[in-house]
Protein backbone atom coordinates (compact mmCIF):
# COMPACT_ATOMS: atom_id res chain seq x y z
CA MET A 1 0.00 0.00 0.00
CA ALA A 2 2.87 2.35 0.75
CA ARG A 3 4.37 1.57 -2.66
CA ARG A 4 1.03 2.41 -4.30
CA LEU A 5 1.17 5.86 -2.70
CA VAL A 6 4.76 6.39 -3.85
CA GLU A 7 3.87 5.35 -7.40
CA ALA A 8 0.94 7.79 -7.35
CA GLY A 9 3.35 10.65 -6.70
CA HIS A 10 2.69 11.26 -3.01
CA LYS A 11 5.42 12.15 -0.56
CA VAL A 12 5.43 9.15 1.79
CA THR A 13 7.10 8.48 5.13
CA VAL A 14 6.82 4.98 6.60
CA TRP A 15 7.28 3.40 10.01
CA ASN A 16 6.77 -0.29 10.67
CA ARG A 17 6.99 -2.25 13.91
CA THR A 18 9.31 -4.66 12.10
CA PRO A 19 11.67 -2.27 10.25
CA ARG A 20 10.98 -2.22 6.52
CA VAL A 21 12.28 -0.11 3.64
CA VAL A 22 9.92 1.05 0.89
CA GLU A 23 11.72 2.29 -2.22
CA GLY A 24 10.88 5.93 -2.86
CA ALA A 25 9.62 6.54 0.69
CA ALA A 26 11.40 8.02 3.68
CA SER A 27 11.79 5.81 6.76
CA ALA A 28 11.05 7.23 10.21
CA ALA A 29 12.62 6.15 13.49
CA SER A 30 9.36 6.41 15.44
CA PRO A 31 5.61 6.87 14.92
CA ALA A 32 5.84 10.48 16.11
CA GLU A 33 8.58 11.22 13.58
CA ALA A 34 6.60 9.52 10.82
CA VAL A 35 3.51 11.71 11.30
CA ALA A 36 5.28 15.00 12.07
CA GLU A 37 4.82 16.58 8.62
CA ALA A 38 1.85 14.54 7.46
CA GLU A 39 -1.45 15.84 6.13
CA LEU A 40 -2.80 12.28 6.09
CA VAL A 41 -1.76 9.42 8.37
CA VAL A 42 -2.64 5.86 7.30
CA THR A 43 -2.53 3.05 9.87
CA MET A 44 -2.64 -0.64 8.90
CA LEU A 45 -1.96 -2.90 11.87
CA SER A 46 -3.02 -6.31 13.15
CA ASP A 47 -5.46 -5.62 15.98
CA PRO A 48 -6.99 -2.92 18.26
CA ALA A 49 -4.21 -3.11 20.85
CA ALA A 50 -1.53 -2.53 18.21
CA VAL A 51 -3.39 0.45 16.73
CA LEU A 52 -3.92 2.13 20.09
CA ARG A 53 -0.35 1.49 21.19
CA VAL A 54 1.22 2.81 17.99
CA MET A 55 -1.06 5.84 17.81
CA ALA A 56 -0.30 6.68 21.44
CA ASP A 57 3.34 6.98 20.34
CA ALA A 58 2.32 9.00 17.28
CA VAL A 59 0.08 11.56 19.02
CA PRO A 60 2.92 13.90 20.07
CA GLY A 61 3.83 14.34 16.39
CA LEU A 62 0.32 15.02 15.07
CA ARG A 63 -0.56 18.57 14.10
CA ALA A 64 -3.96 20.21 13.90
CA GLY A 65 -5.68 19.64 10.57
CA THR A 66 -4.20 16.18 10.01
CA ILE A 67 -6.54 13.36 9.00
CA VAL A 68 -5.96 9.85 10.35
CA ALA A 69 -7.24 7.09 8.06
CA GLU A 70 -7.43 3.97 10.23
CA MET A 71 -7.48 1.05 7.76
CA SER A 72 -6.99 -1.92 10.07
CA THR A 73 -9.77 -4.29 11.09
CA ILE A 74 -10.40 -3.27 14.69
CA GLY A 75 -14.17 -2.77 15.04
CA PRO A 76 -16.24 0.34 15.80
CA GLY A 77 -15.53 0.23 19.55
CA ALA A 78 -11.79 0.55 19.02
CA VAL A 79 -12.37 3.31 16.45
CA ALA A 80 -14.32 5.27 19.07
CA GLY A 81 -11.52 4.67 21.56
CA LEU A 82 -8.98 5.98 19.07
CA ARG A 83 -11.11 9.08 18.45
CA ASP A 84 -11.01 9.84 22.19
CA ARG A 85 -7.21 9.65 22.18
CA LEU A 86 -6.61 11.98 19.22
CA PRO A 87 -5.96 15.68 19.85
CA PRO A 88 -8.64 18.27 18.97
CA GLY A 89 -8.43 19.37 15.35
CA VAL A 90 -7.27 15.96 14.10
CA GLY A 91 -9.84 14.20 11.87
CA LEU A 92 -10.49 10.47 11.82
CA VAL A 93 -11.79 8.20 9.06
CA ASP A 94 -12.22 4.45 9.57
CA ALA A 95 -11.49 2.75 6.24
CA PRO A 96 -10.78 -0.99 6.51
CA VAL A 97 -10.36 -2.90 3.27
CA LEU A 98 -11.55 -6.05 1.54
CA GLY A 99 -8.80 -7.87 -0.31
CA SER A 100 -5.31 -9.06 0.47
CA VAL A 101 -1.78 -8.97 -0.90
CA GLY A 102 -2.59 -9.11 -4.63
CA PRO A 103 -5.32 -6.44 -4.62
CA ALA A 104 -3.18 -4.25 -2.34
CA ARG A 105 -0.32 -4.47 -4.84
CA ASP A 106 -2.59 -3.82 -7.82
CA GLY A 107 -4.71 -1.07 -6.28
CA THR A 108 -7.93 -3.09 -6.48
CA LEU A 109 -8.91 -3.25 -2.81
CA THR A 110 -12.42 -2.32 -1.70
CA VAL A 111 -12.19 0.47 0.87
CA LEU A 112 -15.12 0.64 3.32
CA ALA A 113 -14.98 4.24 4.54
CA GLY A 114 -16.83 5.76 7.47
CA GLY A 115 -16.48 9.25 8.89
CA LEU A 116 -17.69 12.83 8.82
CA PRO A 117 -18.43 14.04 5.27
CA GLU A 118 -15.78 16.76 5.44
CA ASP A 119 -13.10 14.28 6.61
CA LEU A 120 -14.05 11.75 3.93
CA ALA A 121 -13.89 14.42 1.24
CA ARG A 122 -10.37 15.43 2.26
CA CYS A 123 -8.89 11.94 2.06
CA ARG A 124 -10.97 10.26 -0.65
CA GLU A 125 -8.48 10.97 -3.45
CA VAL A 126 -5.70 9.23 -1.54
CA LEU A 127 -7.90 6.31 -0.54
CA GLU A 128 -8.76 5.78 -4.22
CA VAL A 129 -5.09 4.95 -4.81
CA PHE A 130 -5.79 1.69 -2.97
CA GLY A 131 -8.94 0.78 -4.91
CA GLU A 132 -12.68 1.39 -4.98
CA VAL A 133 -13.89 3.60 -2.12
CA ARG A 134 -17.36 2.89 -0.76
CA GLU A 135 -18.59 5.49 1.74
CA VAL A 136 -20.83 3.51 4.10
CA GLY A 137 -21.79 6.06 6.77
CA GLY A 138 -20.56 8.14 9.66
CA PRO A 139 -17.74 7.53 12.15
CA GLY A 140 -17.36 3.83 12.92
CA ALA A 141 -19.53 2.70 9.98
CA GLY A 142 -16.58 1.41 7.95
CA ALA A 143 -15.28 -0.64 10.87
CA ALA A 144 -18.73 -2.08 11.54
CA MET A 145 -19.29 -2.92 7.87
CA LYS A 146 -15.96 -4.75 7.64
CA LEU A 147 -16.82 -7.00 10.59
CA ALA A 148 -20.30 -7.67 9.18
CA VAL A 149 -18.80 -8.73 5.85
CA MET A 150 -16.16 -10.95 7.48
CA SER A 151 -18.90 -12.56 9.59
CA VAL A 152 -20.16 -13.99 6.31
CA LEU A 153 -16.96 -14.66 4.35
CA VAL A 154 -14.94 -16.40 7.06
CA PRO A 155 -17.66 -18.77 8.33
CA ALA A 156 -18.45 -19.65 4.70
CA GLN A 157 -14.88 -20.85 4.24
CA VAL A 158 -14.96 -22.78 7.52
CA LEU A 159 -18.29 -24.34 6.48
CA LEU A 160 -16.78 -25.36 3.16
CA ALA A 161 -13.85 -26.94 5.00
CA GLU A 162 -16.31 -28.91 7.13
CA ALA A 163 -18.22 -30.02 4.02
CA VAL A 164 -15.06 -31.26 2.32
CA ALA A 165 -14.02 -33.13 5.48
CA TYR A 166 -17.48 -34.64 5.93
CA GLY A 167 -17.57 -35.62 2.27
CA GLY A 168 -14.23 -37.34 2.56
CA ALA A 169 -15.39 -39.25 5.65
CA THR A 170 -18.51 -40.48 3.84
CA GLY A 171 -16.94 -41.42 0.51
CA VAL A 172 -17.62 -38.20 -1.43
CA ASP A 173 -14.84 -37.29 -3.84
CA PRO A 174 -13.61 -33.77 -2.92
CA GLY A 175 -13.06 -32.79 -6.55
CA ALA A 176 -16.57 -33.85 -7.51
CA LEU A 177 -17.96 -31.92 -4.54
CA LEU A 178 -16.16 -28.78 -5.69
CA ASP A 179 -17.47 -29.30 -9.21
CA VAL A 180 -21.04 -29.39 -7.93
CA LEU A 181 -20.51 -26.37 -5.69
CA GLY A 182 -18.96 -24.56 -8.66
CA ALA A 183 -22.42 -24.23 -10.19
CA THR A 184 -23.88 -22.67 -7.03
CA PRO A 185 -23.50 -19.18 -5.50
CA LEU A 186 -20.44 -20.58 -3.69
CA GLY A 187 -18.71 -21.25 -7.01
CA ALA A 188 -16.07 -18.55 -6.70
CA LEU A 189 -15.06 -19.68 -3.22
CA ALA A 190 -15.01 -23.34 -4.25
CA GLY A 191 -12.72 -22.49 -7.16
CA ARG A 192 -10.32 -20.55 -4.97
CA ILE A 193 -9.82 -23.36 -2.48
CA ARG A 194 -9.53 -26.16 -5.06
CA PRO A 195 -5.67 -26.10 -5.01
CA VAL A 196 -5.79 -26.48 -1.23
CA VAL A 197 -8.16 -29.44 -1.34
CA GLU A 198 -6.45 -31.23 -4.22
CA ARG A 199 -2.77 -30.49 -3.53
CA GLY A 200 -2.59 -28.95 -0.09
CA ALA A 201 -1.07 -25.87 -1.74
CA PHE A 202 -1.86 -22.37 -0.57
CA GLU A 203 -0.25 -18.98 -0.37
CA ARG A 204 -0.53 -16.81 2.69
CA ARG A 205 -3.08 -14.12 1.82
CA TYR A 206 -5.25 -13.87 4.93
CA GLY A 207 -3.71 -15.17 8.14
CA LEU A 208 -5.77 -17.73 10.04
CA GLY A 209 -4.95 -15.92 13.29
CA LEU A 210 -6.25 -12.65 11.83
CA ALA A 211 -9.46 -14.38 10.73
CA ALA A 212 -9.95 -15.68 14.26
CA LYS A 213 -9.37 -12.16 15.58
CA ASP A 214 -11.90 -10.69 13.16
CA LEU A 215 -14.62 -13.13 14.24
CA ALA A 216 -13.84 -12.47 17.89
CA LEU A 217 -14.29 -8.73 17.28
CA ALA A 218 -17.58 -9.42 15.49
CA ALA A 219 -18.98 -11.51 18.37
CA HIS A 220 -22.68 -10.76 18.94
CA PRO A 221 -25.56 -12.88 20.34
CA VAL A 222 -27.11 -13.18 16.86
CA GLN A 223 -23.82 -14.37 15.32
CA THR A 224 -24.26 -18.04 16.23
CA LEU A 225 -22.75 -19.48 13.04
CA ALA A 226 -19.90 -16.98 13.14
CA ALA A 227 -19.29 -17.91 16.78
CA ALA A 228 -19.05 -21.61 15.86
CA ALA A 229 -16.60 -20.79 13.06
CA GLY A 230 -14.64 -18.67 15.53
CA GLU A 231 -14.31 -21.64 17.86
CA ARG A 232 -12.99 -23.74 14.97
CA LEU A 233 -10.39 -21.09 14.17
CA ALA A 234 -9.43 -20.62 17.82
CA ALA A 235 -8.71 -24.36 18.02
CA ALA A 236 -6.61 -24.11 14.86
CA VAL A 237 -4.66 -21.21 16.36
CA SER A 238 -4.03 -23.30 19.49
CA SER A 239 -2.66 -26.01 17.19
CA GLY A 240 -0.04 -23.56 15.93
CA LEU A 241 -1.74 -22.55 12.67
CA GLY A 242 -2.29 -18.88 13.51
CA GLY A 243 0.47 -17.75 11.17
CA GLU A 244 -0.75 -19.83 8.23
CA ASP A 245 -3.28 -18.80 5.60
CA LEU A 246 -6.97 -19.21 6.49
CA THR A 247 -7.16 -22.14 4.06
CA ALA A 248 -5.03 -24.16 6.52
CA VAL A 249 -8.32 -24.71 8.36
CA PHE A 250 -9.15 -27.37 5.73
CA GLY A 251 -6.40 -29.66 6.97
CA HIS A 252 -7.18 -28.89 10.61
CA ILE A 253 -10.87 -29.76 10.26
CA GLY A 254 -10.07 -32.80 8.11
CA ARG A 255 -7.96 -34.24 10.93
CA ALA A 256 -10.67 -33.49 13.49
CA VAL A 257 -13.33 -35.24 11.40
CA GLY A 258 -11.07 -38.25 10.95
CA GLU A 259 -10.60 -38.50 14.72
CA ALA A 260 -14.33 -38.13 15.40
CA GLY A 261 -15.20 -40.80 12.85
CA GLY A 262 -13.95 -43.52 15.19
CA ALA A 263 -12.46 -45.61 12.38
CA ALA A 264 -8.96 -46.68 13.37
CA PRO A 265 -6.32 -46.86 10.64
CA ARG A 266 -4.99 -50.26 9.68
CA GLY A 267 -3.18 -51.73 12.67
CA GLY A 268 -4.91 -49.30 15.03
CA VAL A 269 -2.12 -46.72 14.72
CA GLU A 270 -2.72 -43.20 13.40
CA LYS A 271 0.11 -41.24 11.81
CA VAL A 272 0.15 -37.58 12.90
CA ASN A 273 1.81 -34.88 10.77
CA PRO A 274 0.40 -31.43 11.66
CA ALA A 275 0.64 -28.65 9.09
CA SER A 276 1.90 -26.35 11.85
CA VAL A 277 5.40 -27.90 11.80
CA PRO A 278 7.72 -28.40 8.81
CA ALA A 279 6.99 -31.57 6.85
CA THR A 280 9.11 -34.64 7.41
CA ASN A 281 11.34 -36.17 4.74
CA GLY A 282 8.77 -38.93 4.23
CA LEU A 283 10.80 -41.52 6.15
CA TYR A 284 8.99 -40.98 9.47
CA SER A 285 5.92 -39.26 10.95
CA HIS A 286 6.07 -36.48 13.51
CA ALA A 287 3.97 -38.61 15.85
CA THR A 288 1.91 -41.77 16.07
CA ARG A 289 -1.18 -42.35 18.13
CA SER A 290 -2.83 -45.53 19.34
CA GLY A 291 -5.92 -44.86 21.40
CA SER A 292 -4.92 -42.26 23.97
CA LEU A 293 -1.17 -42.93 23.72
CA LEU A 294 0.74 -40.31 21.70
CA SER A 295 4.39 -40.87 20.76
CA VAL A 296 6.18 -37.84 19.31
CA SER A 297 9.32 -38.24 17.21
CA GLY A 298 12.50 -36.46 18.13
CA GLN A 299 12.26 -32.80 17.11
CA VAL A 300 15.26 -30.79 15.96
CA ALA A 301 15.94 -27.23 14.84
CA LEU A 302 15.39 -27.45 11.08
CA ASP A 303 13.38 -25.05 8.93
CA ALA A 304 10.95 -26.02 6.16
CA GLU A 305 13.87 -26.35 3.69
CA GLY A 306 15.83 -28.63 6.02
CA ARG A 307 18.37 -25.99 7.04
CA VAL A 308 19.76 -25.91 10.58
CA LEU A 309 18.45 -23.04 12.66
CA GLY A 310 20.52 -21.34 15.36
CA GLU A 311 23.99 -22.56 14.49
CA ASP A 312 25.93 -23.10 17.77
CA ASP A 313 23.04 -21.47 19.68
CA MET A 314 21.61 -23.94 22.20
CA THR A 315 18.94 -21.52 23.39
CA ALA A 316 17.62 -20.83 19.88
CA GLN A 317 17.60 -24.52 18.94
CA SER A 318 15.93 -25.48 22.21
CA GLU A 319 13.20 -22.87 21.68
CA HIS A 320 12.47 -24.17 18.18
CA VAL A 321 12.36 -27.78 19.40
CA MET A 322 10.01 -27.01 22.30
CA GLU A 323 7.74 -24.90 20.09
CA SER A 324 7.50 -27.77 17.57
CA LEU A 325 6.66 -30.22 20.34
CA ALA A 326 3.99 -27.84 21.68
CA ARG A 327 2.35 -27.61 18.24
CA ILE A 328 2.29 -31.36 17.72
CA LEU A 329 0.82 -31.87 21.20
CA ALA A 330 -1.79 -29.14 20.62
CA ASP A 331 -2.82 -30.75 17.34
CA GLN A 332 -3.99 -33.75 19.38
CA GLY A 333 -5.53 -31.70 22.18
CA CYS A 334 -2.56 -32.03 24.54
CA THR A 335 -0.22 -29.73 26.44
CA PHE A 336 3.07 -30.43 28.21
CA ASP A 337 0.98 -31.29 31.28
CA ASP A 338 -0.10 -34.46 29.42
CA VAL A 339 3.49 -35.58 28.75
CA THR A 340 4.46 -38.76 30.59
CA HIS A 341 8.10 -39.00 29.49
CA ILE A 342 10.53 -36.58 27.82
CA ARG A 343 13.80 -37.76 26.30
CA THR A 344 16.59 -35.34 25.43
CA PHE A 345 19.74 -35.95 23.38
CA LEU A 346 22.54 -33.35 23.64
CA THR A 347 25.81 -33.23 21.77
CA ASP A 348 27.43 -31.36 24.68
CA MET A 349 26.18 -32.00 28.23
CA SER A 350 27.96 -28.88 29.48
CA ARG A 351 25.24 -26.86 27.69
CA LEU A 352 22.44 -28.55 29.60
CA PRO A 353 21.70 -25.38 31.65
CA GLU A 354 20.91 -23.45 28.45
CA TYR A 355 18.38 -26.07 27.41
CA GLY A 356 17.04 -26.35 30.96
CA ALA A 357 16.22 -22.64 31.08
CA VAL A 358 14.15 -22.93 27.90
CA ARG A 359 12.47 -26.15 29.00
CA ARG A 360 11.31 -24.56 32.26
CA ARG A 361 9.47 -21.90 30.24
CA PHE A 362 7.43 -24.59 28.48
CA ILE A 363 7.02 -27.15 31.28
CA THR A 364 5.80 -25.00 34.15
CA GLY A 365 3.96 -27.59 36.23
CA GLU A 366 5.18 -30.76 37.92
CA PRO A 367 7.67 -32.24 35.44
CA PRO A 368 7.20 -35.60 33.70
CA ALA A 369 9.58 -38.56 33.82
CA SER A 370 12.77 -37.52 32.03
CA THR A 371 15.86 -38.97 30.40
CA THR A 372 18.79 -36.83 29.19
CA VAL A 373 21.87 -38.28 27.53
CA GLU A 374 24.92 -36.97 25.68
CA VAL A 375 25.54 -38.28 22.17
CA SER A 376 28.57 -37.83 19.92
CA ARG A 377 26.49 -36.37 17.11
CA LEU A 378 22.98 -36.04 15.69
CA PHE A 379 21.85 -36.89 12.16
CA ARG A 380 22.63 -33.44 10.70
CA PRO A 381 25.88 -31.49 11.31
CA GLY A 382 25.18 -28.37 13.36
CA LEU A 383 22.32 -29.84 15.38
CA LEU A 384 22.91 -29.56 19.11
CA ILE A 385 19.72 -31.08 20.57
CA GLU A 386 16.90 -33.51 19.80
CA VAL A 387 13.86 -34.06 22.06
CA GLU A 388 11.07 -36.64 21.88
CA VAL A 389 8.05 -37.08 24.18
CA THR A 390 5.31 -39.54 25.04
CA ALA A 391 1.94 -38.21 26.14
CA VAL A 392 -1.58 -39.34 27.02
CA VAL A 393 -4.42 -37.59 25.18
CA PRO A 394 -6.94 -36.20 27.72
CA GLY A 395 -10.14 -38.24 27.75
CA GLY A 396 -8.71 -40.64 25.16
CA ARG A 397 -10.76 -38.93 22.44
């Protein structure tokens, strides 16, 4: 979005919580510095807390006559709270958008703008750089409209994921199901998720964690279907999928339906490979489950491409290992409290205290049975630690 403004000929200054450089734009050291000379301030952040925190830092730099265009998805309540924190003489427009990375790059977003007519008139030309501007009412109307729209779009995708999972459990071919849905009003959505269903391939366009946040903000007694979808997404976030695209919910729900079906795989052993951790090399599964017994393979500090993370850094490798274990456990409804035995392999026992400090952050209750041994080496040069666990799934579901 910042690049769109630069390309349109505007003088742009940027500040990002994770430092970023935008070619053609100046970079500020703080929010206050970024807004100091601005006629229009655009905010695009993840949630209400982030917006209020960043704008609190920006307020000292705002000057009378500036317009703030708040374009995040934060809801009308947070917009009102932001209005109360802005100095007199500073205008506010709430203008969240529909669309993701591609439309933002191409300038084809839909901007849902709410605010006083005079404030909307002053910033409309700039907002049109991002896409089609739809003025939907007074202050807070844009924020409310965005949540109302997402209360339809997100549950529809979750419902489609449930339908695909149910179809698979009852012998319905997923491709045939999508073909049939393609001729219904859900055709466009069915077409967009086909690569996910058929190949498990998706690109991150709308984070699953952000979708869960949006439905939580939209919570209302009449939103019963949206609330159910929100619970599905909250469970997926707990399984470590918050940073994935919303379409990752298809795999999450598919696993849940398979568990609920009660049909044990051949031999009574289920192979568990959550999407929230990097895929294996195909020679092993991240975990196996038989009834309520969960056995988790040794986890090491490798990224999705198989590269070692945290070279010679026991703390960094330990953190990655424990986070991977937590995600695999969460995928099966477990926490570290359900672990019965933890086994640790170190290439240098003198670095045990570094690992121990990390482990205590993850295992905070009474510890499980434990074995720790020193080994001469692990299967990949540069790896310092490998940890495996055994756990019992609560309730044996």
